[in-house]
N, C-alpha and C. Protein backbone atom coordinates (compact mmCIF):
# COMPACT_ATOMS: atom_id res chain seq x y z
N MET A 1 -17.95 16.76 10.22
CA MET A 1 -17.09 17.04 8.95
C MET A 1 -18.07 17.15 7.60
N THR A 2 -18.01 18.17 6.72
CA THR A 2 -18.80 17.90 5.41
C THR A 2 -17.71 16.83 4.43
N GLU A 3 -18.28 15.93 3.47
CA GLU A 3 -17.68 14.92 2.65
C GLU A 3 -16.11 15.41 2.41
N SER A 4 -16.54 16.24 1.29
CA SER A 4 -15.60 17.42 0.94
C SER A 4 -14.33 17.16 1.55
N GLY A 5 -14.60 17.67 3.50
CA GLY A 5 -13.81 17.87 3.92
C GLY A 5 -13.21 16.61 4.72
N GLN A 6 -14.06 16.01 4.62
CA GLN A 6 -12.93 14.28 4.53
C GLN A 6 -12.11 14.38 3.68
N ARG A 7 -12.45 14.28 2.34
CA ARG A 7 -12.11 14.01 1.16
C ARG A 7 -10.47 14.47 1.36
N ARG A 8 -10.65 15.82 1.41
CA ARG A 8 -9.05 16.61 1.41
C ARG A 8 -8.64 16.07 2.75
N LEU A 9 -8.72 16.31 3.77
CA LEU A 9 -7.95 14.97 4.85
C LEU A 9 -7.44 13.76 4.67
N ARG A 10 -8.23 12.92 3.55
CA ARG A 10 -7.79 11.77 3.47
C ARG A 10 -6.44 11.95 2.32
N ALA A 11 -6.54 12.86 1.57
CA ALA A 11 -5.42 13.33 0.44
C ALA A 11 -4.53 13.93 0.80
N ALA A 12 -4.70 14.58 1.90
CA ALA A 12 -3.32 15.28 2.11
C ALA A 12 -2.40 14.82 2.69
N GLY A 13 -2.80 13.72 3.38
CA GLY A 13 -1.55 12.99 4.13
C GLY A 13 -1.73 11.24 3.36
N ALA A 14 -2.23 11.16 1.93
CA ALA A 14 -2.21 10.43 1.14
C ALA A 14 -0.92 9.60 1.20
N GLY A 15 -0.87 8.07 0.81
CA GLY A 15 0.43 7.58 1.23
C GLY A 15 1.66 7.46 1.95
N GLU A 16 1.12 8.55 3.07
CA GLU A 16 2.23 8.16 4.24
C GLU A 16 1.84 7.73 5.35
N LEU A 17 2.46 6.71 6.37
CA LEU A 17 2.62 5.55 6.84
C LEU A 17 2.26 6.49 8.07
N PRO A 18 1.43 5.46 9.05
CA PRO A 18 1.21 6.51 10.55
C PRO A 18 2.51 6.41 11.59
N MET A 19 2.87 6.97 12.46
CA MET A 19 3.78 6.80 13.20
C MET A 19 3.05 5.95 14.26
N VAL A 20 4.14 5.04 14.82
CA VAL A 20 3.62 3.88 15.61
C VAL A 20 4.83 4.28 17.01
N THR A 21 3.98 4.22 18.00
CA THR A 21 4.70 4.87 19.04
C THR A 21 5.27 2.84 19.56
N SER A 22 6.21 3.18 21.13
CA SER A 22 6.36 2.06 21.03
C SER A 22 5.06 1.64 22.15
N CYS A 23 4.18 1.87 22.25
CA CYS A 23 2.73 1.49 23.02
C CYS A 23 1.80 1.08 22.10
N GLY A 24 2.59 0.99 20.90
CA GLY A 24 1.72 0.67 19.68
C GLY A 24 0.26 1.54 19.08
N ARG A 25 0.29 2.39 19.31
CA ARG A 25 -0.60 3.65 19.02
C ARG A 25 0.21 4.26 17.93
N ARG A 26 -1.46 4.62 16.64
CA ARG A 26 -0.36 4.81 15.44
C ARG A 26 -0.85 6.23 15.24
N ILE A 27 -0.12 7.22 15.02
CA ILE A 27 -0.41 8.80 15.08
C ILE A 27 -0.47 8.92 13.40
N PHE A 28 -1.15 9.35 13.06
CA PHE A 28 -1.52 10.00 11.85
C PHE A 28 -1.29 12.23 11.87
N VAL A 29 -0.48 12.48 11.24
CA VAL A 29 -0.14 14.06 11.22
C VAL A 29 -0.65 14.51 9.99
N LYS A 30 -1.96 14.78 9.82
CA LYS A 30 -2.02 15.35 8.63
C LYS A 30 -2.88 16.93 8.22
N GLU A 31 -2.96 17.35 6.92
CA GLU A 31 -3.58 18.79 6.77
C GLU A 31 -5.29 18.38 6.08
N LEU A 32 -6.02 19.60 7.02
CA LEU A 32 -7.33 20.02 6.64
C LEU A 32 -7.31 21.04 6.01
N ARG A 33 -8.10 21.11 4.55
CA ARG A 33 -8.45 22.70 4.14
C ARG A 33 -9.70 22.54 3.55
N LEU A 34 -10.54 23.60 4.05
CA LEU A 34 -11.82 23.49 4.04
C LEU A 34 -12.15 25.48 2.94
N PRO A 35 -12.80 24.84 1.72
CA PRO A 35 -12.55 26.71 1.12
C PRO A 35 -14.00 27.13 1.88
N THR A 36 -13.79 28.30 2.59
CA THR A 36 -15.28 29.03 3.00
C THR A 36 -14.92 30.28 1.92
N PRO A 37 -16.29 30.74 1.85
CA PRO A 37 -16.44 32.45 1.28
C PRO A 37 -15.51 33.50 2.26
N GLY A 38 -14.81 34.00 1.14
CA GLY A 38 -14.05 34.70 1.96
C GLY A 38 -12.17 34.52 2.35
N ARG A 39 -11.96 33.14 2.66
CA ARG A 39 -11.23 32.86 3.15
C ARG A 39 -11.11 31.27 3.21
N GLN A 40 -9.99 30.78 2.95
CA GLN A 40 -9.56 29.12 2.96
C GLN A 40 -9.23 29.10 4.43
N ILE A 41 -10.22 27.75 5.04
CA ILE A 41 -9.54 27.36 6.67
C ILE A 41 -8.57 26.48 6.17
N GLY A 42 -7.29 26.58 6.91
CA GLY A 42 -6.52 25.30 7.29
C GLY A 42 -6.48 25.00 8.60
N ARG A 43 -6.11 23.52 8.78
CA ARG A 43 -5.62 23.09 9.88
C ARG A 43 -5.03 21.58 10.08
N VAL A 44 -3.64 21.48 10.81
CA VAL A 44 -3.14 20.46 11.42
C VAL A 44 -4.18 19.33 11.80
N THR A 45 -3.99 17.92 11.57
CA THR A 45 -4.75 17.17 12.71
C THR A 45 -3.99 16.56 13.05
N LEU A 46 -4.28 15.79 14.28
CA LEU A 46 -3.58 14.58 14.86
C LEU A 46 -4.76 13.46 15.12
N ASP A 47 -4.10 12.46 14.67
CA ASP A 47 -5.19 11.09 15.07
C ASP A 47 -4.43 10.23 15.46
N VAL A 48 -4.40 9.89 17.15
CA VAL A 48 -3.90 8.90 17.71
C VAL A 48 -4.92 8.00 18.19
N GLY A 49 -4.42 6.75 17.44
CA GLY A 49 -5.51 5.35 17.53
C GLY A 49 -5.28 4.89 18.78
N PRO A 50 -6.20 3.88 18.87
CA PRO A 50 -6.40 3.15 20.34
C PRO A 50 -4.69 2.68 20.36
N ASP A 51 -4.21 2.62 22.04
CA ASP A 51 -3.31 1.68 22.34
C ASP A 51 -3.47 -0.09 22.07
N GLN A 52 -2.65 -0.72 22.66
CA GLN A 52 -3.02 -2.42 21.93
C GLN A 52 -3.80 -2.92 23.30
N GLY A 53 -4.19 -2.47 23.99
CA GLY A 53 -5.50 -2.81 25.34
C GLY A 53 -6.46 -1.98 24.74
N ASP A 54 -6.83 -1.40 23.51
CA ASP A 54 -8.24 -1.06 22.83
C ASP A 54 -8.37 0.20 23.54
N GLU A 55 -7.61 1.37 24.13
CA GLU A 55 -7.99 2.29 24.95
C GLU A 55 -8.26 3.00 23.61
N HIS A 56 -9.18 4.06 24.00
CA HIS A 56 -9.72 4.65 23.02
C HIS A 56 -8.66 6.10 22.53
N GLY A 57 -8.14 6.19 21.37
CA GLY A 57 -7.33 7.09 20.77
C GLY A 57 -8.45 8.51 20.64
N VAL A 58 -7.53 9.32 20.28
CA VAL A 58 -8.04 10.82 20.62
C VAL A 58 -7.92 11.60 18.71
N TRP A 59 -8.89 12.58 18.28
CA TRP A 59 -8.25 13.19 17.64
C TRP A 59 -8.29 14.57 17.65
N ALA A 60 -7.48 15.76 17.45
CA ALA A 60 -7.15 17.42 17.74
C ALA A 60 -7.28 18.12 16.69
N SER A 61 -7.42 19.22 15.73
CA SER A 61 -7.31 19.87 14.68
C SER A 61 -6.69 20.93 15.57
N LEU A 62 -5.41 21.83 14.68
CA LEU A 62 -4.77 22.71 15.54
C LEU A 62 -5.14 23.71 14.39
N THR A 63 -4.87 24.76 14.57
CA THR A 63 -4.08 25.97 13.66
C THR A 63 -2.97 25.28 13.35
N PRO A 64 -2.61 26.60 12.26
CA PRO A 64 -1.36 26.55 11.61
C PRO A 64 0.29 27.06 13.13
N ALA A 65 -0.85 28.29 14.05
CA ALA A 65 0.59 28.42 15.05
C ALA A 65 -0.16 27.52 16.44
N GLU A 66 -0.96 26.73 16.52
CA GLU A 66 -0.86 25.88 17.06
C GLU A 66 -0.03 24.51 17.73
N ALA A 67 0.01 24.43 15.70
CA ALA A 67 0.17 23.32 15.72
C ALA A 67 2.53 23.23 15.99
N ARG A 68 2.46 24.56 15.19
CA ARG A 68 3.80 24.95 15.42
C ARG A 68 4.38 25.19 17.43
N GLU A 69 3.61 25.73 17.96
CA GLU A 69 3.56 25.52 19.06
C GLU A 69 3.53 24.20 19.68
N LEU A 70 2.84 23.46 19.50
CA LEU A 70 3.22 21.81 20.22
C LEU A 70 4.56 21.48 19.40
N ALA A 71 5.01 21.85 18.58
CA ALA A 71 6.16 21.37 17.38
C ALA A 71 7.38 21.54 18.68
N ARG A 72 7.39 23.23 19.00
CA ARG A 72 8.20 23.77 19.70
C ARG A 72 8.25 23.05 20.89
N ARG A 73 7.21 22.73 21.54
CA ARG A 73 7.14 21.94 22.72
C ARG A 73 7.58 20.31 23.05
N LEU A 74 6.81 19.94 21.88
CA LEU A 74 7.78 18.16 21.93
C LEU A 74 9.41 18.14 21.79
N LEU A 75 9.65 19.14 20.73
CA LEU A 75 11.02 18.96 20.43
C LEU A 75 12.14 19.49 22.14
N ALA A 76 11.49 20.74 22.41
CA ALA A 76 12.21 21.31 23.61
C ALA A 76 11.94 19.83 24.67
N HIS A 77 11.09 19.23 24.86
CA HIS A 77 11.06 17.83 26.09
C HIS A 77 11.64 16.80 25.48
N ALA A 78 11.96 16.60 24.18
CA ALA A 78 12.63 15.50 23.71
C ALA A 78 14.18 15.68 23.98
N ALA A 79 14.32 16.83 23.78
CA ALA A 79 15.74 17.83 24.02
C ALA A 79 16.24 17.28 25.18
N GLY A 80 14.78 17.36 26.29
CA GLY A 80 15.32 17.18 27.62
C GLY A 80 15.36 15.90 28.11
N VAL A 81 14.98 14.82 27.15
CA VAL A 81 14.92 13.62 27.92
C VAL A 81 16.20 12.66 26.93
N ASP A 82 16.20 13.18 25.71
CA ASP A 82 16.84 12.38 24.91
C ASP A 82 18.16 12.24 25.29
N PRO A 83 19.27 11.91 26.51
CA PRO A 83 20.31 11.68 26.69
C PRO A 83 20.33 10.53 28.08
N ALA A 84 18.66 10.83 28.55
CA ALA A 84 18.58 9.81 29.73
C ALA A 84 17.74 9.07 29.73
N GLY A 85 17.55 8.23 28.13
CA GLY A 85 16.91 7.39 27.59
C GLY A 85 17.32 5.78 28.09
N PRO A 86 16.73 4.82 28.27
CA PRO A 86 17.03 3.71 29.03
C PRO A 86 17.99 2.96 27.56
N PRO A 87 19.05 2.33 28.18
CA PRO A 87 19.92 2.06 27.01
C PRO A 87 19.47 1.08 25.96
N ASP A 88 18.29 0.36 26.32
CA ASP A 88 17.75 -1.08 25.92
C ASP A 88 17.17 -0.73 24.46
N GLU A 89 16.74 0.79 24.80
CA GLU A 89 15.95 1.23 23.84
C GLU A 89 16.11 1.39 22.36
N GLU A 90 15.55 1.56 21.45
CA GLU A 90 15.94 1.20 19.56
C GLU A 90 15.93 2.95 19.52
N ALA A 91 17.06 3.53 18.77
CA ALA A 91 16.69 4.72 18.57
C ALA A 91 15.89 5.19 17.75
N ALA A 92 16.12 6.98 17.73
CA ALA A 92 14.63 6.96 17.09
C ALA A 92 15.10 6.59 15.00
N ARG A 93 14.16 6.33 14.39
CA ARG A 93 14.47 6.49 12.90
C ARG A 93 14.17 7.73 12.40
N PRO A 94 14.94 8.21 11.52
CA PRO A 94 15.48 9.70 10.70
C PRO A 94 13.64 9.98 10.41
N HIS A 95 13.14 11.33 10.31
CA HIS A 95 11.64 11.12 10.20
C HIS A 95 11.46 11.11 8.61
N ASP A 96 12.63 10.77 7.60
CA ASP A 96 11.78 10.62 5.91
C ASP A 96 12.23 8.74 5.90
N THR A 97 12.20 8.14 6.92
CA THR A 97 12.59 6.72 6.61
C THR A 97 10.97 6.36 6.90
N ARG A 98 10.40 5.52 5.87
CA ARG A 98 9.34 4.50 6.02
C ARG A 98 9.26 3.60 7.44
N LEU A 99 8.08 3.18 8.28
CA LEU A 99 8.02 2.84 9.46
C LEU A 99 8.51 1.13 8.97
N ASP A 100 8.25 1.00 7.69
CA ASP A 100 8.52 -0.74 7.22
C ASP A 100 9.91 -0.95 6.56
N THR A 101 10.72 0.46 6.65
CA THR A 101 12.16 -0.22 6.58
C THR A 101 13.18 -0.96 7.74
N PRO A 102 13.76 -1.83 6.97
CA PRO A 102 14.18 -2.51 8.01
C PRO A 102 15.43 -1.51 9.04
N ARG A 103 15.61 -1.45 9.70
CA ARG A 103 16.94 -0.69 10.47
C ARG A 103 18.12 -0.70 9.92
N GLY A 104 19.05 0.06 9.50
CA GLY A 104 19.96 0.03 8.85
C GLY A 104 20.02 -0.26 7.53
N THR A 105 19.27 0.07 6.99
CA THR A 105 18.88 0.61 5.54
C THR A 105 17.91 1.77 5.12
N THR A 106 18.63 2.31 3.74
CA THR A 106 18.27 3.41 3.43
C THR A 106 16.91 3.61 2.46
N ARG A 107 15.96 4.10 1.45
CA ARG A 107 15.02 3.90 1.61
C ARG A 107 15.26 5.00 0.03
N ALA A 108 15.17 4.20 -0.83
CA ALA A 108 15.80 4.91 -1.98
C ALA A 108 15.01 5.91 -2.40
N ARG A 109 15.57 7.22 -3.31
CA ARG A 109 14.80 8.66 -3.50
C ARG A 109 14.19 8.70 -4.87
């Protein structure tokens, strides 16, 4: 990736905290825009960090259509297992709540 592409990748998600899974993986979702002659290339990137046991993470670059399809599949599977979750699991955080916000409080806008 070019240096300017890396700067754009960092800037697109600037200030947004990663999602942290129950196994400790940090997932960043960002945008990558690369200007090319004739048209601009845009991708949605997923950076899944290592787990607590230092198992390697992964990185993926998706076209907008691929990102939408992944989102559709994730939502469909989440709906399928949502009522069957273990009773001792914490409820999901609202998507606009920062991860460092204590539960039961809301972030000022």
